[in-house]
Amino acid sequence: MGYIINGEEKETDADGYLLEPDLSDEAAQAIAAAEGLALTDAHWTVIRYFRDKYREDGQTPNFRHFMKDMAEQMPGADAKLMYDLFPKDGPAKQAVKIAGLPKPFGKGGY
């Protein structure tokens, strides 16, 4: 399975995560469409967060750290909102996939 992004097929693993990161907006839109999501401003806030953390740390944060940071960036944000935004696999997995990042590693996907 792969995604067509800007006319180029990007390779994925068996779970649909890009093998090589693509931080373009076009990548996020193509992957979100394949996941059946229409991206809103709230989705983009989460996507940008994961991309920034990936650039800074070389990996994405665990769910606890993610929620702590989201509470600061999106007042009133809670786990329910995040799971409503990313219902398939939750934000720690589905949002990372849509952000165009490689699969999170470790127990539970972190």
N, C-alpha and C. Protein backbone atom coordinates (compact mmCIF):
# COMPACT_ATOMS: atom_id res chain seq x y z
N MET A 1 0.84 -1.18 0.00
CA MET A 1 0.00 0.00 0.00
C MET A 1 0.89 1.24 0.00
N GLY A 2 0.47 2.24 -0.67
CA GLY A 2 1.18 3.51 -0.69
C GLY A 2 0.20 4.64 -0.89
N TYR A 3 0.71 5.85 -0.85
CA TYR A 3 -0.11 7.03 -1.08
C TYR A 3 0.46 7.77 -2.29
N ILE A 4 -0.41 8.34 -3.08
CA ILE A 4 0.03 9.20 -4.18
C ILE A 4 0.02 10.63 -3.64
N ILE A 5 1.21 11.21 -3.56
CA ILE A 5 1.37 12.57 -3.03
C ILE A 5 2.11 13.38 -4.08
N ASN A 6 1.44 14.42 -4.57
CA ASN A 6 2.00 15.26 -5.63
C ASN A 6 2.44 14.42 -6.84
N GLY A 7 1.62 13.44 -7.18
CA GLY A 7 1.88 12.61 -8.35
C GLY A 7 2.94 11.55 -8.15
N GLU A 8 3.46 11.40 -6.96
CA GLU A 8 4.51 10.41 -6.67
C GLU A 8 3.99 9.42 -5.64
N GLU A 9 4.23 8.13 -5.88
CA GLU A 9 3.79 7.12 -4.92
C GLU A 9 4.82 7.02 -3.79
N LYS A 10 4.33 7.16 -2.56
CA LYS A 10 5.17 7.07 -1.37
C LYS A 10 4.93 5.72 -0.72
N GLU A 11 6.01 5.03 -0.39
CA GLU A 11 5.92 3.70 0.21
C GLU A 11 5.51 3.78 1.67
N THR A 12 4.75 2.76 2.09
CA THR A 12 4.30 2.66 3.48
C THR A 12 4.62 1.28 4.03
N ASP A 13 4.53 1.18 5.35
CA ASP A 13 4.64 -0.14 5.96
C ASP A 13 3.27 -0.82 5.91
N ALA A 14 3.15 -1.97 6.51
CA ALA A 14 1.89 -2.73 6.47
C ALA A 14 0.73 -2.00 7.15
N ASP A 15 1.04 -1.07 8.06
CA ASP A 15 0.00 -0.34 8.78
C ASP A 15 -0.34 1.01 8.14
N GLY A 16 0.31 1.33 7.02
CA GLY A 16 0.00 2.56 6.31
C GLY A 16 0.81 3.77 6.71
N TYR A 17 1.85 3.58 7.51
CA TYR A 17 2.73 4.69 7.88
C TYR A 17 3.79 4.86 6.79
N LEU A 18 4.10 6.11 6.48
CA LEU A 18 5.15 6.36 5.49
C LEU A 18 6.48 5.82 5.99
N LEU A 19 7.25 5.22 5.08
CA LEU A 19 8.57 4.73 5.45
C LEU A 19 9.56 5.89 5.57
N GLU A 20 9.37 6.91 4.74
CA GLU A 20 10.18 8.13 4.81
C GLU A 20 9.24 9.29 5.13
N PRO A 21 9.56 10.10 6.14
CA PRO A 21 8.66 11.20 6.49
C PRO A 21 8.40 12.14 5.33
N ASP A 22 7.19 12.65 5.28
CA ASP A 22 6.81 13.69 4.32
C ASP A 22 5.97 14.69 5.10
N LEU A 23 6.54 15.85 5.38
CA LEU A 23 5.88 16.83 6.23
C LEU A 23 5.11 17.88 5.43
N SER A 24 4.79 17.57 4.19
CA SER A 24 4.03 18.51 3.37
C SER A 24 2.54 18.46 3.71
N ASP A 25 1.87 19.57 3.47
CA ASP A 25 0.42 19.61 3.68
C ASP A 25 -0.28 18.64 2.73
N GLU A 26 0.27 18.49 1.54
CA GLU A 26 -0.31 17.56 0.56
C GLU A 26 -0.28 16.12 1.08
N ALA A 27 0.79 15.76 1.77
CA ALA A 27 0.88 14.41 2.36
C ALA A 27 -0.22 14.22 3.39
N ALA A 28 -0.37 15.19 4.28
CA ALA A 28 -1.40 15.08 5.31
C ALA A 28 -2.79 14.96 4.69
N GLN A 29 -3.05 15.74 3.66
CA GLN A 29 -4.36 15.70 3.03
C GLN A 29 -4.61 14.35 2.33
N ALA A 30 -3.58 13.82 1.67
CA ALA A 30 -3.73 12.53 0.98
C ALA A 30 -3.96 11.40 1.98
N ILE A 31 -3.19 11.39 3.05
CA ILE A 31 -3.33 10.32 4.05
C ILE A 31 -4.66 10.45 4.78
N ALA A 32 -5.05 11.68 5.14
CA ALA A 32 -6.34 11.89 5.81
C ALA A 32 -7.49 11.41 4.92
N ALA A 33 -7.41 11.71 3.64
CA ALA A 33 -8.46 11.26 2.71
C ALA A 33 -8.53 9.73 2.69
N ALA A 34 -7.37 9.08 2.68
CA ALA A 34 -7.35 7.61 2.70
C ALA A 34 -7.91 7.07 4.02
N GLU A 35 -7.78 7.84 5.09
CA GLU A 35 -8.30 7.44 6.40
C GLU A 35 -9.77 7.84 6.57
N GLY A 36 -10.31 8.58 5.60
CA GLY A 36 -11.71 9.00 5.66
C GLY A 36 -11.95 10.22 6.53
N LEU A 37 -10.92 11.05 6.72
CA LEU A 37 -11.07 12.25 7.54
C LEU A 37 -10.97 13.52 6.70
N ALA A 38 -11.82 14.48 7.02
CA ALA A 38 -11.71 15.83 6.46
C ALA A 38 -11.03 16.67 7.54
N LEU A 39 -9.90 17.27 7.21
CA LEU A 39 -9.10 17.96 8.21
C LEU A 39 -9.68 19.33 8.56
N THR A 40 -9.77 19.58 9.86
CA THR A 40 -10.24 20.86 10.39
C THR A 40 -9.04 21.59 11.01
N ASP A 41 -9.27 22.80 11.49
CA ASP A 41 -8.19 23.54 12.16
C ASP A 41 -7.66 22.76 13.36
N ALA A 42 -8.55 22.10 14.09
CA ALA A 42 -8.12 21.32 15.26
C ALA A 42 -7.21 20.17 14.83
N HIS A 43 -7.55 19.49 13.73
CA HIS A 43 -6.68 18.44 13.21
C HIS A 43 -5.30 19.00 12.89
N TRP A 44 -5.28 20.15 12.21
CA TRP A 44 -4.00 20.75 11.81
C TRP A 44 -3.16 21.15 13.01
N THR A 45 -3.79 21.58 14.10
CA THR A 45 -3.04 21.91 15.31
C THR A 45 -2.31 20.68 15.83
N VAL A 46 -3.00 19.54 15.85
CA VAL A 46 -2.40 18.30 16.32
C VAL A 46 -1.31 17.84 15.35
N ILE A 47 -1.58 17.91 14.06
CA ILE A 47 -0.59 17.49 13.04
C ILE A 47 0.68 18.32 13.17
N ARG A 48 0.53 19.63 13.28
CA ARG A 48 1.71 20.50 13.42
C ARG A 48 2.48 20.20 14.69
N TYR A 49 1.76 19.91 15.76
CA TYR A 49 2.40 19.56 17.03
C TYR A 49 3.29 18.32 16.86
N PHE A 50 2.72 17.25 16.28
CA PHE A 50 3.51 16.03 16.11
C PHE A 50 4.69 16.25 15.18
N ARG A 51 4.51 17.01 14.13
CA ARG A 51 5.62 17.31 13.21
C ARG A 51 6.73 18.09 13.92
N ASP A 52 6.35 19.08 14.71
CA ASP A 52 7.35 19.86 15.45
C ASP A 52 8.11 18.99 16.44
N LYS A 53 7.40 18.14 17.17
CA LYS A 53 8.06 17.25 18.12
C LYS A 53 8.99 16.27 17.42
N TYR A 54 8.56 15.79 16.26
CA TYR A 54 9.40 14.86 15.50
C TYR A 54 10.68 15.57 15.05
N ARG A 55 10.56 16.81 14.57
CA ARG A 55 11.75 17.57 14.16
C ARG A 55 12.68 17.82 15.34
N GLU A 56 12.12 18.16 16.50
CA GLU A 56 12.92 18.48 17.68
C GLU A 56 13.57 17.24 18.30
N ASP A 57 12.80 16.16 18.43
CA ASP A 57 13.24 15.01 19.21
C ASP A 57 13.56 13.76 18.39
N GLY A 58 13.21 13.77 17.11
CA GLY A 58 13.44 12.58 16.28
C GLY A 58 12.42 11.48 16.50
N GLN A 59 11.41 11.76 17.30
CA GLN A 59 10.33 10.81 17.56
C GLN A 59 9.13 11.59 18.07
N THR A 60 8.01 10.91 18.19
CA THR A 60 6.81 11.56 18.70
C THR A 60 6.66 11.24 20.18
N PRO A 61 6.00 12.13 20.93
CA PRO A 61 5.87 11.92 22.38
C PRO A 61 4.82 10.87 22.71
N ASN A 62 4.88 10.39 23.94
CA ASN A 62 3.84 9.46 24.38
C ASN A 62 2.54 10.22 24.64
N PHE A 63 1.49 9.49 24.87
CA PHE A 63 0.16 10.09 24.98
C PHE A 63 0.07 11.07 26.14
N ARG A 64 0.66 10.74 27.27
CA ARG A 64 0.59 11.61 28.44
C ARG A 64 1.22 12.98 28.16
N HIS A 65 2.40 12.97 27.57
CA HIS A 65 3.06 14.24 27.24
C HIS A 65 2.28 14.99 26.16
N PHE A 66 1.77 14.26 25.21
CA PHE A 66 0.95 14.87 24.16
C PHE A 66 -0.24 15.60 24.76
N MET A 67 -0.97 14.94 25.65
CA MET A 67 -2.16 15.56 26.24
C MET A 67 -1.79 16.77 27.09
N LYS A 68 -0.69 16.70 27.80
CA LYS A 68 -0.25 17.85 28.61
C LYS A 68 0.03 19.05 27.70
N ASP A 69 0.74 18.82 26.60
CA ASP A 69 1.05 19.90 25.66
C ASP A 69 -0.21 20.41 24.96
N MET A 70 -1.13 19.52 24.61
CA MET A 70 -2.36 19.94 23.94
C MET A 70 -3.23 20.79 24.85
N ALA A 71 -3.24 20.49 26.14
CA ALA A 71 -4.02 21.29 27.09
C ALA A 71 -3.54 22.73 27.09
N GLU A 72 -2.24 22.94 26.85
CA GLU A 72 -1.69 24.29 26.79
C GLU A 72 -2.00 24.96 25.45
N GLN A 73 -1.95 24.20 24.38
CA GLN A 73 -2.16 24.76 23.03
C GLN A 73 -3.63 24.93 22.67
N MET A 74 -4.46 24.03 23.17
CA MET A 74 -5.89 24.04 22.86
C MET A 74 -6.66 24.01 24.17
N PRO A 75 -6.90 25.16 24.80
CA PRO A 75 -7.63 25.16 26.06
C PRO A 75 -8.92 24.36 25.97
N GLY A 76 -9.13 23.52 26.96
CA GLY A 76 -10.31 22.67 26.98
C GLY A 76 -10.12 21.33 26.28
N ALA A 77 -8.97 21.15 25.62
CA ALA A 77 -8.72 19.88 24.94
C ALA A 77 -8.57 18.77 25.97
N ASP A 78 -9.24 17.67 25.69
CA ASP A 78 -9.11 16.50 26.55
C ASP A 78 -9.01 15.25 25.68
N ALA A 79 -8.85 14.12 26.32
CA ALA A 79 -8.69 12.87 25.57
C ALA A 79 -9.90 12.58 24.69
N LYS A 80 -11.09 12.89 25.17
CA LYS A 80 -12.29 12.64 24.36
C LYS A 80 -12.24 13.42 23.06
N LEU A 81 -11.87 14.69 23.13
CA LEU A 81 -11.76 15.50 21.91
C LEU A 81 -10.74 14.89 20.95
N MET A 82 -9.60 14.48 21.48
CA MET A 82 -8.55 13.92 20.62
C MET A 82 -9.02 12.62 19.94
N TYR A 83 -9.74 11.79 20.69
CA TYR A 83 -10.26 10.56 20.09
C TYR A 83 -11.42 10.84 19.14
N ASP A 84 -12.14 11.91 19.35
CA ASP A 84 -13.18 12.32 18.39
C ASP A 84 -12.54 12.79 17.09
N LEU A 85 -11.42 13.51 17.20
CA LEU A 85 -10.72 13.99 16.01
C LEU A 85 -10.07 12.84 15.23
N PHE A 86 -9.52 11.88 15.96
CA PHE A 86 -8.80 10.76 15.34
C PHE A 86 -9.39 9.44 15.85
N PRO A 87 -10.58 9.09 15.36
CA PRO A 87 -11.33 7.96 15.93
C PRO A 87 -10.81 6.57 15.59
N LYS A 88 -10.08 6.43 14.51
CA LYS A 88 -9.69 5.09 14.08
C LYS A 88 -8.70 4.44 15.04
N ASP A 89 -7.58 5.10 15.27
CA ASP A 89 -6.52 4.54 16.13
C ASP A 89 -6.13 5.48 17.25
N GLY A 90 -6.84 6.58 17.41
CA GLY A 90 -6.49 7.55 18.43
C GLY A 90 -5.39 8.49 17.94
N PRO A 91 -5.20 9.57 18.65
CA PRO A 91 -4.26 10.59 18.20
C PRO A 91 -2.80 10.15 18.18
N ALA A 92 -2.41 9.33 19.12
CA ALA A 92 -1.00 8.94 19.19
C ALA A 92 -0.58 8.07 18.00
N LYS A 93 -1.53 7.49 17.31
CA LYS A 93 -1.21 6.67 16.14
C LYS A 93 -1.75 7.31 14.85
N GLN A 94 -3.07 7.55 14.80
CA GLN A 94 -3.66 8.05 13.56
C GLN A 94 -3.15 9.44 13.22
N ALA A 95 -3.02 10.32 14.19
CA ALA A 95 -2.53 11.67 13.91
C ALA A 95 -1.09 11.64 13.42
N VAL A 96 -0.29 10.77 13.98
CA VAL A 96 1.10 10.63 13.55
C VAL A 96 1.14 10.15 12.10
N LYS A 97 0.30 9.19 11.77
CA LYS A 97 0.24 8.68 10.40
C LYS A 97 -0.14 9.80 9.44
N ILE A 98 -1.19 10.55 9.78
CA ILE A 98 -1.66 11.63 8.91
C ILE A 98 -0.62 12.74 8.81
N ALA A 99 0.15 12.94 9.85
CA ALA A 99 1.20 13.97 9.84
C ALA A 99 2.33 13.62 8.86
N GLY A 100 2.31 12.38 8.34
CA GLY A 100 3.34 11.97 7.38
C GLY A 100 4.61 11.47 8.03
N LEU A 101 4.48 11.01 9.27
CA LEU A 101 5.64 10.54 10.03
C LEU A 101 5.69 9.02 10.06
N PRO A 102 6.88 8.47 10.34
CA PRO A 102 6.99 7.01 10.47
C PRO A 102 6.21 6.51 11.68
N LYS A 103 5.97 5.23 11.71
CA LYS A 103 5.22 4.61 12.80
C LYS A 103 5.92 4.84 14.14
N PRO A 104 5.14 5.26 15.16
CA PRO A 104 5.73 5.38 16.49
C PRO A 104 6.23 4.02 16.97
N PHE A 105 7.26 4.03 17.76
CA PHE A 105 7.82 2.76 18.20
C PHE A 105 7.62 2.56 19.70
N GLY A 106 7.86 1.35 20.14
CA GLY A 106 7.75 1.02 21.55
C GLY A 106 6.39 0.45 21.89
N LYS A 107 6.23 0.11 23.15
CA LYS A 107 5.00 -0.49 23.61
C LYS A 107 3.82 0.45 23.38
N GLY A 108 2.75 -0.07 22.84
CA GLY A 108 1.55 0.71 22.61
C GLY A 108 1.69 1.70 21.47
N GLY A 109 2.75 1.58 20.68
CA GLY A 109 2.94 2.47 19.55
C GLY A 109 3.75 3.70 19.85
N TYR A 110 4.25 3.81 21.10
CA TYR A 110 5.03 5.02 21.45
C TYR A 110 6.52 4.72 21.39
